[in-house]
Amino acid sequence: MSRSLLSYETLVHAVAGATGSVVGMAVFYPLDILRSRLQVDESDKLKGSPWELLLRLANDEGVLSLYRGLTPVLQSLSVSNFVYFYTFHALRKSSPKSNSALQDLTFGVLAGIVNVLITSPLWVVNTRMKLEKDNYPSLIGGVAEIFKKEGVRGLWSGTIPSLLLVSNPAIQFMVYESIKRKLLSTRNFDNFTAFMVGAIAKGIATTITYPLQLIQSRLRAGTSIKPLFKDMKSKPSTIFRGLETKLLQTVMTAALMFVIYEKLVRLVLTIMKVKMAKRP
């Protein structure tokens, strides 16, 4: 296949990445709800282990509260990961050089920037819907309403930390692809291996970039970050509030995503090769 930004192979990677992310998020969504609450809500009732907090929220607010805003999140995630995977693999495919960790990091950053600039309004709506700050009729309806009330600034609130956070998926992909290349040279990259490597890669990326994620969530929710910096003076660990839940949610989600992604890519590309081989 030619080195082009437009190719069936790149499209396969994008669709597989989007599908894997949607399935992973759907499975572990309650943890994402809890993560959002911990990052923004200062309530004393949000103290305890992730499992204790989930049970408490389900008991106090109902089981359905753990799935609040699921549909718009999955819609946004599918668009976001399609854009990210497509851009990342298009850049890799168009590059004449062999793949390396530094190259993966660079392409990951570029893909992240494109993704943030395109999809930030969707995530602003999502954050507010999950926290019940606003009750929008739909994802697009929420975008329109925020634009009407707050303008462009409202839709892209939190964009600066989001741009800084492109380092998260960039680090994740760099670690994932680096380990994958080494393992492929010595063994088969099966489902369990993909799951473990995906978990390790996301765990490293999340821990490194978490303080920025906390600030990003508060800005998207329309919550002041001044109290956060004030609390940090007396308790520096405040900047990692909710990290345990975030790691649990994002690591499991990313690990499952990479398993589905790898399986879909192998399946579709194998079918494509078979069809091409049968052509006269």
Protein backbone atom coordinates (compact mmCIF):
# COMPACT_ATOMS: atom_id res chain seq x y z
CA MET A 1 0.00 0.00 0.00
CA SER A 2 1.22 3.51 -0.82
CA ARG A 3 2.43 5.95 1.81
CA SER A 4 -0.66 8.15 1.96
CA LEU A 5 -2.74 9.88 4.60
CA LEU A 6 -5.77 8.23 2.99
CA SER A 7 -5.78 4.45 2.91
CA TYR A 8 -8.00 1.51 3.85
CA GLU A 9 -5.38 0.28 6.31
CA THR A 10 -5.40 3.57 8.22
CA LEU A 11 -9.19 3.52 8.24
CA VAL A 12 -9.13 0.00 9.70
CA HIS A 13 -6.90 1.18 12.56
CA ALA A 14 -9.22 4.14 13.22
CA VAL A 15 -12.43 2.09 13.26
CA ALA A 16 -10.83 -0.65 15.39
CA GLY A 17 -9.47 1.91 17.87
CA ALA A 18 -12.84 3.66 18.13
CA THR A 19 -14.68 0.36 18.60
CA GLY A 20 -12.27 -0.89 21.26
CA SER A 21 -12.47 2.35 23.23
CA VAL A 22 -16.28 2.36 23.20
CA VAL A 23 -16.48 -1.23 24.47
CA GLY A 24 -13.85 -0.59 27.15
CA MET A 25 -15.56 2.56 28.40
CA ALA A 26 -19.02 0.94 28.41
CA VAL A 27 -17.72 -1.88 30.63
CA PHE A 28 -15.94 0.34 33.17
CA TYR A 29 -18.09 3.48 32.93
CA PRO A 30 -19.16 3.61 36.63
CA LEU A 31 -15.50 4.10 37.55
CA ASP A 32 -15.32 7.05 35.15
CA ILE A 33 -18.38 8.61 36.82
CA LEU A 34 -16.68 8.20 40.20
CA ARG A 35 -13.43 9.63 38.84
CA SER A 36 -15.24 12.78 37.64
CA ARG A 37 -16.94 13.22 40.99
CA LEU A 38 -13.69 12.82 42.93
CA GLN A 39 -11.86 15.32 40.75
CA VAL A 40 -14.52 18.04 41.04
CA ASP A 41 -16.66 17.38 44.15
CA GLU A 42 -15.17 18.30 47.53
CA SER A 43 -17.93 16.49 49.49
CA ASP A 44 -16.87 14.46 52.54
CA LYS A 45 -19.10 11.59 51.43
CA LEU A 46 -16.61 10.85 48.65
CA LYS A 47 -14.08 9.28 50.98
CA GLY A 48 -13.21 5.59 50.95
CA SER A 49 -12.09 2.94 48.47
CA PRO A 50 -13.46 3.05 44.89
CA TRP A 51 -15.70 0.04 45.55
CA GLU A 52 -17.09 1.55 48.76
CA LEU A 53 -17.81 4.83 46.98
CA LEU A 54 -19.54 3.09 44.06
CA LEU A 55 -21.80 1.20 46.46
CA ARG A 56 -22.52 4.41 48.38
CA LEU A 57 -23.42 6.35 45.23
CA ALA A 58 -25.61 3.51 43.98
CA ASN A 59 -27.39 3.37 47.34
CA ASP A 60 -27.82 7.15 47.73
CA GLU A 61 -28.53 8.15 44.12
CA GLY A 62 -29.60 4.91 42.45
CA VAL A 63 -27.75 2.43 40.24
CA LEU A 64 -28.65 4.41 37.12
CA SER A 65 -26.66 7.36 38.47
CA LEU A 66 -23.52 5.32 37.78
CA TYR A 67 -24.40 5.36 34.08
CA ARG A 68 -25.41 9.02 33.87
CA GLY A 69 -24.37 10.52 30.54
CA LEU A 70 -23.17 7.19 29.09
CA THR A 71 -24.58 7.72 25.59
CA PRO A 72 -22.93 11.11 24.90
CA VAL A 73 -19.66 9.83 26.39
CA LEU A 74 -19.61 6.85 24.02
CA GLN A 75 -20.50 9.12 21.10
CA SER A 76 -17.69 11.53 21.96
CA LEU A 77 -15.23 8.73 22.63
CA SER A 78 -15.90 7.07 19.29
CA VAL A 79 -15.26 10.35 17.45
CA SER A 80 -12.23 11.19 19.59
CA ASN A 81 -10.51 7.83 19.19
CA PHE A 82 -11.34 7.61 15.49
CA VAL A 83 -9.61 10.96 14.98
CA TYR A 84 -6.66 9.98 17.18
CA PHE A 85 -6.04 6.50 15.74
CA TYR A 86 -6.53 7.72 12.17
CA THR A 87 -4.11 10.64 12.57
CA PHE A 88 -1.51 8.56 14.44
CA HIS A 89 -1.44 5.71 11.92
CA ALA A 90 -1.70 8.04 8.92
CA LEU A 91 1.42 9.85 10.13
CA ARG A 92 3.23 6.55 10.72
CA LYS A 93 2.27 5.29 7.28
CA SER A 94 3.32 8.49 5.53
CA SER A 95 6.72 8.54 7.23
CA PRO A 96 9.60 7.12 5.18
CA LYS A 97 11.58 6.27 8.32
CA SER A 98 11.32 3.07 10.32
CA ASN A 99 9.20 3.22 13.47
CA SER A 100 10.94 4.17 16.71
CA ALA A 101 9.91 5.21 20.23
CA LEU A 102 10.74 8.87 19.57
CA GLN A 103 8.80 8.81 16.32
CA ASP A 104 5.78 7.24 18.02
CA LEU A 105 5.94 9.91 20.73
CA THR A 106 6.07 12.70 18.14
CA PHE A 107 3.19 11.29 16.10
CA GLY A 108 1.23 10.70 19.30
CA VAL A 109 1.61 14.37 20.28
CA LEU A 110 0.54 15.56 16.82
CA ALA A 111 -2.45 13.21 16.78
CA GLY A 112 -3.39 14.40 20.26
CA ILE A 113 -3.30 18.06 19.22
CA VAL A 114 -5.57 17.40 16.23
CA ASN A 115 -7.92 15.41 18.44
CA VAL A 116 -8.13 18.09 21.16
CA LEU A 117 -8.82 20.92 18.73
CA ILE A 118 -11.61 18.96 17.03
CA THR A 119 -13.33 17.23 19.95
CA SER A 120 -12.91 19.50 23.02
CA PRO A 121 -16.50 20.87 22.84
CA LEU A 122 -17.87 17.32 23.05
CA TRP A 123 -15.94 16.65 26.28
CA VAL A 124 -17.02 19.94 27.86
CA VAL A 125 -20.67 18.89 27.36
CA ASN A 126 -19.91 15.39 28.69
CA THR A 127 -18.26 16.63 31.88
CA ARG A 128 -21.18 18.90 32.72
CA MET A 129 -23.77 16.23 31.99
CA LYS A 130 -22.01 13.65 34.18
CA LEU A 131 -21.88 16.09 37.09
CA GLU A 132 -25.49 17.18 36.51
CA LYS A 133 -24.37 20.79 36.17
CA ASP A 134 -26.60 21.05 33.10
CA ASN A 135 -29.29 18.85 31.59
CA TYR A 136 -28.79 19.00 27.84
CA PRO A 137 -31.21 17.21 25.48
CA SER A 138 -28.33 15.68 23.49
CA LEU A 139 -24.63 16.01 22.77
CA ILE A 140 -25.16 18.37 19.84
CA GLY A 141 -27.87 20.21 21.78
CA GLY A 142 -25.39 20.75 24.61
CA VAL A 143 -22.75 22.11 22.23
CA ALA A 144 -25.29 24.54 20.76
CA GLU A 145 -26.51 25.68 24.20
CA ILE A 146 -23.02 26.30 25.57
CA PHE A 147 -22.07 28.20 22.43
CA LYS A 148 -25.20 30.35 22.80
CA LYS A 149 -24.54 31.13 26.48
CA GLU A 150 -20.75 31.14 26.72
CA GLY A 151 -19.49 31.41 23.15
CA VAL A 152 -16.36 29.78 21.76
CA ARG A 153 -14.49 30.21 25.06
CA GLY A 154 -17.06 28.05 26.86
CA LEU A 155 -16.87 25.25 24.30
CA TRP A 156 -13.09 25.10 24.43
CA SER A 157 -12.72 25.67 28.19
CA GLY A 158 -9.89 23.53 29.52
CA THR A 159 -8.22 23.39 26.10
CA ILE A 160 -4.82 24.53 27.38
CA PRO A 161 -4.42 21.69 29.90
CA SER A 162 -5.97 19.40 27.28
CA LEU A 163 -3.23 20.36 24.82
CA LEU A 164 -0.64 19.69 27.50
CA LEU A 165 -2.36 16.37 28.15
CA VAL A 166 -1.72 15.14 24.60
CA SER A 167 1.39 13.79 26.29
CA ASN A 168 -0.85 11.17 27.96
CA PRO A 169 -1.89 9.17 24.87
CA ALA A 170 1.47 9.97 23.28
CA ILE A 171 3.34 8.36 26.18
CA GLN A 172 0.81 5.52 26.19
CA PHE A 173 1.30 4.74 22.51
CA MET A 174 5.07 5.14 22.72
CA VAL A 175 5.28 2.62 25.59
CA TYR A 176 2.73 0.27 24.00
CA GLU A 177 4.33 0.23 20.56
CA SER A 178 7.87 -0.05 21.99
CA ILE A 179 7.01 -3.08 24.14
CA LYS A 180 4.95 -4.58 21.32
CA ARG A 181 7.88 -4.35 18.87
CA LYS A 182 10.22 -6.06 21.33
CA LEU A 183 7.74 -8.84 22.12
CA LEU A 184 6.88 -9.49 18.47
CA SER A 185 10.54 -10.29 17.81
CA THR A 186 10.54 -13.04 20.45
CA ARG A 187 6.94 -14.29 20.87
CA ASN A 188 3.36 -14.08 19.65
CA PHE A 189 1.44 -10.98 20.67
CA ASP A 190 -1.70 -12.72 21.95
CA ASN A 191 -4.79 -11.27 23.67
CA PHE A 192 -3.43 -11.59 27.21
CA THR A 193 -0.16 -9.92 26.21
CA ALA A 194 -2.01 -7.07 24.51
CA PHE A 195 -4.13 -6.61 27.65
CA MET A 196 -1.12 -6.49 29.97
CA VAL A 197 0.96 -4.22 27.73
CA GLY A 198 -2.01 -1.88 27.26
CA ALA A 199 -2.51 -1.75 31.04
CA ILE A 200 1.16 -1.00 31.71
CA ALA A 201 1.31 1.70 29.04
CA LYS A 202 -1.81 3.47 30.27
CA GLY A 203 -0.77 3.17 33.93
CA ILE A 204 2.53 4.92 33.23
CA ALA A 205 0.93 7.66 31.12
CA THR A 206 -1.88 8.32 33.60
CA THR A 207 0.37 8.58 36.66
CA ILE A 208 2.73 11.02 34.95
CA THR A 209 -0.01 13.33 33.65
CA TYR A 210 -2.66 13.07 36.38
CA PRO A 211 -2.27 16.56 37.93
CA LEU A 212 -3.08 18.09 34.54
CA GLN A 213 -6.10 15.80 34.20
CA LEU A 214 -7.42 17.02 37.54
CA ILE A 215 -7.12 20.67 36.47
CA GLN A 216 -8.68 19.86 33.09
CA SER A 217 -11.75 18.23 34.68
CA ARG A 218 -12.36 21.22 36.95
CA LEU A 219 -12.07 23.71 34.10
CA ARG A 220 -14.42 21.69 31.88
CA ALA A 221 -16.95 21.46 34.72
CA GLY A 222 -16.81 25.23 35.19
CA THR A 223 -15.34 24.76 38.69
CA SER A 224 -12.72 27.19 40.03
CA ILE A 225 -9.23 25.76 40.41
CA LYS A 226 -8.22 28.34 43.05
CA PRO A 227 -9.39 26.17 46.00
CA LEU A 228 -7.31 23.32 44.58
CA PHE A 229 -4.10 25.34 44.62
CA LYS A 230 -4.97 26.66 48.08
CA ASP A 231 -5.40 23.12 49.43
CA MET A 232 -2.13 22.03 47.81
CA LYS A 233 -0.17 24.44 50.03
CA SER A 234 -1.11 22.50 53.15
CA LYS A 235 -1.58 19.09 51.50
CA PRO A 236 0.42 18.59 48.26
CA SER A 237 -1.17 15.17 47.69
CA THR A 238 -4.44 17.01 46.85
CA ILE A 239 -3.20 17.27 43.26
CA PHE A 240 -3.52 13.48 43.04
CA ARG A 241 -7.08 13.39 44.43
CA GLY A 242 -8.93 10.52 42.72
CA LEU A 243 -5.79 8.96 41.21
CA GLU A 244 -6.58 5.47 42.55
CA THR A 245 -9.99 5.44 40.87
CA LYS A 246 -8.61 7.01 37.69
CA LEU A 247 -5.88 4.37 37.44
CA LEU A 248 -8.36 1.56 38.01
CA GLN A 249 -10.75 2.90 35.38
CA THR A 250 -8.35 4.07 32.72
CA VAL A 251 -5.95 1.11 32.94
CA MET A 252 -8.71 -1.48 32.62
CA THR A 253 -10.46 0.49 29.87
CA ALA A 254 -7.26 0.95 27.86
CA ALA A 255 -6.23 -2.69 28.31
CA LEU A 256 -9.58 -3.96 27.03
CA MET A 257 -9.50 -1.40 24.22
CA PHE A 258 -6.12 -2.62 22.96
CA VAL A 259 -7.25 -6.27 23.02
CA ILE A 260 -10.31 -5.48 20.86
CA TYR A 261 -8.27 -3.13 18.67
CA GLU A 262 -5.58 -5.73 17.94
CA LYS A 263 -8.15 -8.46 17.20
CA LEU A 264 -10.18 -6.26 14.83
CA VAL A 265 -7.12 -4.98 12.98
CA ARG A 266 -5.73 -8.51 12.48
CA LEU A 267 -9.13 -9.84 11.40
CA VAL A 268 -9.94 -7.10 8.89
CA LEU A 269 -6.42 -6.84 7.42
CA THR A 270 -6.29 -10.64 7.03
CA ILE A 271 -9.62 -10.59 5.15
CA MET A 272 -8.35 -7.73 2.96
CA LYS A 273 -5.14 -9.62 2.11
CA VAL A 274 -7.08 -12.78 1.24
CA LYS A 275 -9.37 -10.84 -1.08
CA MET A 276 -6.43 -9.08 -2.73
CA ALA A 277 -4.66 -12.43 -3.21
CA LYS A 278 -7.71 -13.86 -4.99
CA ARG A 279 -7.82 -11.03 -7.51
CA PRO A 280 -6.63 -12.06 -10.98
